[in-house]
């Protein structure tokens, strides 16, 4: 077998394994978080918007829609729901009254921190059960996973 065919086969094997394991890993962690999180669970789209606004304070509805691969009117509906729930604030732009900048509320920031803390605790407990070699391999893979994430993001335009 030629080296390029072998490399392609290896890429296909890794792609299949990642496609199968990453969603399972996410669901497993999500279930652990839900066990310990004392508040009502939000729909995934609302969680994604809250995470984005927490990362990019002041993001506009249009920017959020682009980043989340959603229609602006759908993001606007999510903003309305989260505003009513007291988790998001919509502030008008001084230069253009049609533009709204999004900000998380103190309650949202507390809940996001709570979820992140629960996730860290569960991940740390699971990581402590791994062998030293497994832990080293995961540590070494973090940079590659971040690069993979960047490569998978849609390009602008």
C-alpha atoms as a PDB file:
ATOM      1  CA  UNK A   1       0.000   0.000   0.000  1.00  0.00           C
ATOM      2  CA  UNK A   2       1.403   3.404  -0.914  1.00  0.00           C
ATOM      3  CA  UNK A   3       2.257   5.836   1.873  1.00  0.00           C
ATOM      4  CA  UNK A   4      -0.353   8.356   0.672  1.00  0.00           C
ATOM      5  CA  UNK A   5      -3.058   5.668   0.654  1.00  0.00           C
ATOM      6  CA  UNK A   6      -1.982   4.550   4.146  1.00  0.00           C
ATOM      7  CA  UNK A   7      -2.031   8.151   5.393  1.00  0.00           C
ATOM      8  CA  UNK A   8      -5.496   8.667   3.884  1.00  0.00           C
ATOM      9  CA  UNK A   9      -6.701   5.470   5.563  1.00  0.00           C
ATOM     10  CA  UNK A  10      -5.258   6.652   8.887  1.00  0.00           C
ATOM     11  CA  UNK A  11      -7.004  10.040   8.495  1.00  0.00           C
ATOM     12  CA  UNK A  12     -10.291   8.270   7.741  1.00  0.00           C
ATOM     13  CA  UNK A  13      -9.858   6.035  10.810  1.00  0.00           C
ATOM     14  CA  UNK A  14      -9.145   9.014  13.097  1.00  0.00           C
ATOM     15  CA  UNK A  15     -12.038  11.005  11.587  1.00  0.00           C
ATOM     16  CA  UNK A  16     -14.459   8.134  12.204  1.00  0.00           C
ATOM     17  CA  UNK A  17     -13.242   7.628  15.756  1.00  0.00           C
ATOM     18  CA  UNK A  18     -13.526  11.352  16.574  1.00  0.00           C
ATOM     19  CA  UNK A  19     -16.963  11.623  14.972  1.00  0.00           C
ATOM     20  CA  UNK A  20     -18.134   8.741  17.160  1.00  0.00           C
ATOM     21  CA  UNK A  21     -16.407   9.636  20.426  1.00  0.00           C
ATOM     22  CA  UNK A  22     -16.769  13.433  20.697  1.00  0.00           C
ATOM     23  CA  UNK A  23     -20.605  13.519  20.810  1.00  0.00           C
ATOM     24  CA  UNK A  24     -20.611  10.655  23.305  1.00  0.00           C
ATOM     25  CA  UNK A  25     -18.060  12.440  25.486  1.00  0.00           C
ATOM     26  CA  UNK A  26     -20.158  15.622  25.326  1.00  0.00           C
ATOM     27  CA  UNK A  27     -23.375  13.766  26.263  1.00  0.00           C
ATOM     28  CA  UNK A  28     -21.654  11.935  29.130  1.00  0.00           C
ATOM     29  CA  UNK A  29     -20.336  15.179  30.598  1.00  0.00           C
ATOM     30  CA  UNK A  30     -23.677  16.916  30.003  1.00  0.00           C
ATOM     31  CA  UNK A  31     -25.509  14.193  31.942  1.00  0.00           C
ATOM     32  CA  UNK A  32     -23.080  14.549  34.852  1.00  0.00           C
ATOM     33  CA  UNK A  33     -23.595  18.323  34.893  1.00  0.00           C
ATOM     34  CA  UNK A  34     -27.384  17.918  34.847  1.00  0.00           C
ATOM     35  CA  UNK A  35     -27.212  15.615  37.874  1.00  0.00           C
ATOM     36  CA  UNK A  36     -25.603  18.364  39.949  1.00  0.00           C
ATOM     37  CA  UNK A  37     -27.091  21.535  38.427  1.00  0.00           C
ATOM     38  CA  UNK A  38     -29.997  22.701  40.619  1.00  0.00           C
ATOM     39  CA  UNK A  39     -31.599  25.019  38.045  1.00  0.00           C
ATOM     40  CA  UNK A  40     -33.932  24.344  35.124  1.00  0.00           C
ATOM     41  CA  UNK A  41     -32.224  23.086  31.989  1.00  0.00           C
ATOM     42  CA  UNK A  42     -32.252  25.504  29.074  1.00  0.00           C
ATOM     43  CA  UNK A  43     -32.639  24.410  25.455  1.00  0.00           C
ATOM     44  CA  UNK A  44     -29.316  23.871  23.663  1.00  0.00           C
ATOM     45  CA  UNK A  45     -29.762  26.929  21.413  1.00  0.00           C
ATOM     46  CA  UNK A  46     -30.211  29.181  24.461  1.00  0.00           C
ATOM     47  CA  UNK A  47     -27.148  27.652  26.116  1.00  0.00           C
ATOM     48  CA  UNK A  48     -25.089  28.202  22.959  1.00  0.00           C
ATOM     49  CA  UNK A  49     -26.155  31.859  22.810  1.00  0.00           C
ATOM     50  CA  UNK A  50     -25.408  32.433  26.503  1.00  0.00           C
ATOM     51  CA  UNK A  51     -21.955  30.875  26.119  1.00  0.00           C
ATOM     52  CA  UNK A  52     -21.231  33.050  23.106  1.00  0.00           C
ATOM     53  CA  UNK A  53     -22.345  36.245  24.852  1.00  0.00           C
ATOM     54  CA  UNK A  54     -20.319  35.302  27.934  1.00  0.00           C
ATOM     55  CA  UNK A  55     -17.238  34.904  25.707  1.00  0.00           C
ATOM     56  CA  UNK A  56     -17.909  37.988  23.575  1.00  0.00           C
ATOM     57  CA  UNK A  57     -19.625  40.546  25.782  1.00  0.00           C
ATOM     58  CA  UNK A  58     -21.403  43.152  23.671  1.00  0.00           C
ATOM     59  CA  UNK A  59     -21.803  40.940  20.601  1.00  0.00           C
ATOM     60  CA  UNK A  60     -24.666  42.027  18.337  1.00  0.00           C
ATOM     61  CA  UNK A  61     -27.607  39.844  17.364  1.00  0.00           C
ATOM     62  CA  UNK A  62     -26.333  39.710  13.762  1.00  0.00           C
ATOM     63  CA  UNK A  63     -22.809  38.726  14.881  1.00  0.00           C
ATOM     64  CA  UNK A  64     -24.242  36.069  17.201  1.00  0.00           C
ATOM     65  CA  UNK A  65     -26.393  34.678  14.392  1.00  0.00           C
ATOM     66  CA  UNK A  66     -23.365  34.459  12.120  1.00  0.00           C
ATOM     67  CA  UNK A  67     -21.226  32.779  14.774  1.00  0.00           C
ATOM     68  CA  UNK A  68     -23.976  30.290  15.736  1.00  0.00           C
ATOM     69  CA  UNK A  69     -24.917  29.587  12.104  1.00  0.00           C
ATOM     70  CA  UNK A  70     -28.490  30.728  12.743  1.00  0.00           C
ATOM     71  CA  UNK A  71     -30.877  33.229  11.206  1.00  0.00           C
ATOM     72  CA  UNK A  72     -30.884  36.650  12.948  1.00  0.00           C
ATOM     73  CA  UNK A  73     -34.643  36.446  13.603  1.00  0.00           C
ATOM     74  CA  UNK A  74     -34.146  33.108  15.405  1.00  0.00           C
ATOM     75  CA  UNK A  75     -31.369  34.593  17.544  1.00  0.00           C
ATOM     76  CA  UNK A  76     -33.582  37.588  18.250  1.00  0.00           C
ATOM     77  CA  UNK A  77     -36.294  35.217  19.512  1.00  0.00           C
ATOM     78  CA  UNK A  78     -33.729  33.491  21.769  1.00  0.00           C
ATOM     79  CA  UNK A  79     -32.612  36.891  23.055  1.00  0.00           C
ATOM     80  CA  UNK A  80     -36.216  37.737  23.943  1.00  0.00           C
ATOM     81  CA  UNK A  81     -36.640  34.442  25.809  1.00  0.00           C
ATOM     82  CA  UNK A  82     -33.379  34.830  27.718  1.00  0.00           C
ATOM     83  CA  UNK A  83     -34.146  38.481  28.508  1.00  0.00           C
ATOM     84  CA  UNK A  84     -37.512  37.471  29.986  1.00  0.00           C
ATOM     85  CA  UNK A  85     -35.713  34.794  32.026  1.00  0.00           C
ATOM     86  CA  UNK A  86     -33.347  37.437  33.420  1.00  0.00           C
ATOM     87  CA  UNK A  87     -30.244  35.882  31.863  1.00  0.00           C
ATOM     88  CA  UNK A  88     -29.490  38.332  29.070  1.00  0.00           C
ATOM     89  CA  UNK A  89     -29.612  42.082  28.569  1.00  0.00           C
ATOM     90  CA  UNK A  90     -30.089  43.819  25.255  1.00  0.00           C
ATOM     91  CA  UNK A  91     -28.540  47.292  25.104  1.00  0.00           C
ATOM     92  CA  UNK A  92     -28.994  49.669  22.199  1.00  0.00           C
ATOM     93  CA  UNK A  93     -26.072  50.966  20.183  1.00  0.00           C
ATOM     94  CA  UNK A  94     -25.432  54.680  20.684  1.00  0.00           C
ATOM     95  CA  UNK A  95     -24.659  55.211  16.999  1.00  0.00           C
ATOM     96  CA  UNK A  96     -27.359  52.979  15.467  1.00  0.00           C
ATOM     97  CA  UNK A  97     -30.593  52.409  17.378  1.00  0.00           C
ATOM     98  CA  UNK A  98     -31.415  49.366  15.197  1.00  0.00           C
ATOM     99  CA  UNK A  99     -28.390  47.498  16.606  1.00  0.00           C
ATOM    100  CA  UNK A 100     -28.565  45.739  19.970  1.00  0.00           C
ATOM    101  CA  UNK A 101     -25.528  44.605  21.955  1.00  0.00           C
ATOM    102  CA  UNK A 102     -25.960  41.550  24.148  1.00  0.00           C
ATOM    103  CA  UNK A 103     -24.685  41.149  27.701  1.00  0.00           C
ATOM    104  CA  UNK A 104     -25.100  38.376  30.240  1.00  0.00           C
ATOM    105  CA  UNK A 105     -26.704  39.282  33.551  1.00  0.00           C
ATOM    106  CA  UNK A 106     -25.131  38.593  36.928  1.00  0.00           C
ATOM    107  CA  UNK A 107     -27.472  35.587  37.333  1.00  0.00           C
ATOM    108  CA  UNK A 108     -26.338  34.158  33.991  1.00  0.00           C
ATOM    109  CA  UNK A 109     -22.673  34.669  34.839  1.00  0.00           C
ATOM    110  CA  UNK A 110     -23.199  32.869  38.173  1.00  0.00           C
ATOM    111  CA  UNK A 111     -24.924  29.929  36.475  1.00  0.00           C
ATOM    112  CA  UNK A 112     -22.296  29.700  33.737  1.00  0.00           C
ATOM    113  CA  UNK A 113     -19.580  29.657  36.406  1.00  0.00           C
ATOM    114  CA  UNK A 114     -21.541  27.015  38.305  1.00  0.00           C
ATOM    115  CA  UNK A 115     -21.814  24.785  35.212  1.00  0.00           C
ATOM    116  CA  UNK A 116     -18.127  25.258  34.406  1.00  0.00           C
ATOM    117  CA  UNK A 117     -17.212  24.338  37.984  1.00  0.00           C
ATOM    118  CA  UNK A 118     -19.349  21.199  37.874  1.00  0.00           C
ATOM    119  CA  UNK A 119     -17.820  20.233  34.523  1.00  0.00           C
ATOM    120  CA  UNK A 120     -14.273  20.792  35.812  1.00  0.00           C
ATOM    121  CA  UNK A 121     -14.937  18.660  38.899  1.00  0.00           C
ATOM    122  CA  UNK A 122     -16.346  15.759  36.863  1.00  0.00           C
ATOM    123  CA  UNK A 123     -13.567  15.973  34.278  1.00  0.00           C
ATOM    124  CA  UNK A 124     -10.879  16.153  36.967  1.00  0.00           C
ATOM    125  CA  UNK A 125     -12.338  13.104  38.727  1.00  0.00           C
ATOM    126  CA  UNK A 126     -12.433  11.162  35.456  1.00  0.00           C
ATOM    127  CA  UNK A 127      -8.903  12.259  34.517  1.00  0.00           C
ATOM    128  CA  UNK A 128      -7.585  11.079  37.895  1.00  0.00           C
ATOM    129  CA  UNK A 129      -8.804   7.563  36.989  1.00  0.00           C
ATOM    130  CA  UNK A 130      -6.670   7.473  33.809  1.00  0.00           C
ATOM    131  CA  UNK A 131      -3.183   6.068  33.579  1.00  0.00           C
ATOM    132  CA  UNK A 132      -0.237   8.448  33.373  1.00  0.00           C
ATOM    133  CA  UNK A 133       0.208   7.568  29.695  1.00  0.00           C
ATOM    134  CA  UNK A 134      -3.457   8.256  28.922  1.00  0.00           C
ATOM    135  CA  UNK A 135      -3.287  11.586  30.702  1.00  0.00           C
ATOM    136  CA  UNK A 136      -0.090  12.526  28.831  1.00  0.00           C
ATOM    137  CA  UNK A 137      -1.703  11.563  25.513  1.00  0.00           C
ATOM    138  CA  UNK A 138      -4.745  13.734  26.231  1.00  0.00           C
ATOM    139  CA  UNK A 139      -2.546  16.646  27.269  1.00  0.00           C
ATOM    140  CA  UNK A 140      -0.540  16.308  24.069  1.00  0.00           C
ATOM    141  CA  UNK A 141      -3.715  16.153  21.976  1.00  0.00           C
ATOM    142  CA  UNK A 142      -5.192  19.428  23.298  1.00  0.00           C
ATOM    143  CA  UNK A 143      -3.305  21.631  20.849  1.00  0.00           C
ATOM    144  CA  UNK A 144      -4.295  19.413  17.939  1.00  0.00           C
ATOM    145  CA  UNK A 145      -7.943  19.432  19.040  1.00  0.00           C
ATOM    146  CA  UNK A 146      -7.903  23.237  19.208  1.00  0.00           C
ATOM    147  CA  UNK A 147      -6.426  23.367  15.701  1.00  0.00           C
ATOM    148  CA  UNK A 148      -9.053  20.916  14.488  1.00  0.00           C
ATOM    149  CA  UNK A 149     -11.790  23.100  15.980  1.00  0.00           C
ATOM    150  CA  UNK A 150     -10.389  26.137  14.163  1.00  0.00           C
ATOM    151  CA  UNK A 151     -10.232  24.180  10.890  1.00  0.00           C
ATOM    152  CA  UNK A 152     -13.851  23.076  11.200  1.00  0.00           C
ATOM    153  CA  UNK A 153     -15.247  26.565  11.765  1.00  0.00           C
ATOM    154  CA  UNK A 154     -16.912  28.071   8.707  1.00  0.00           C
ATOM    155  CA  UNK A 155     -14.953  30.762   6.936  1.00  0.00           C
ATOM    156  CA  UNK A 156     -16.329  34.290   6.782  1.00  0.00           C
ATOM    157  CA  UNK A 157     -17.964  35.390   3.576  1.00  0.00           C
END
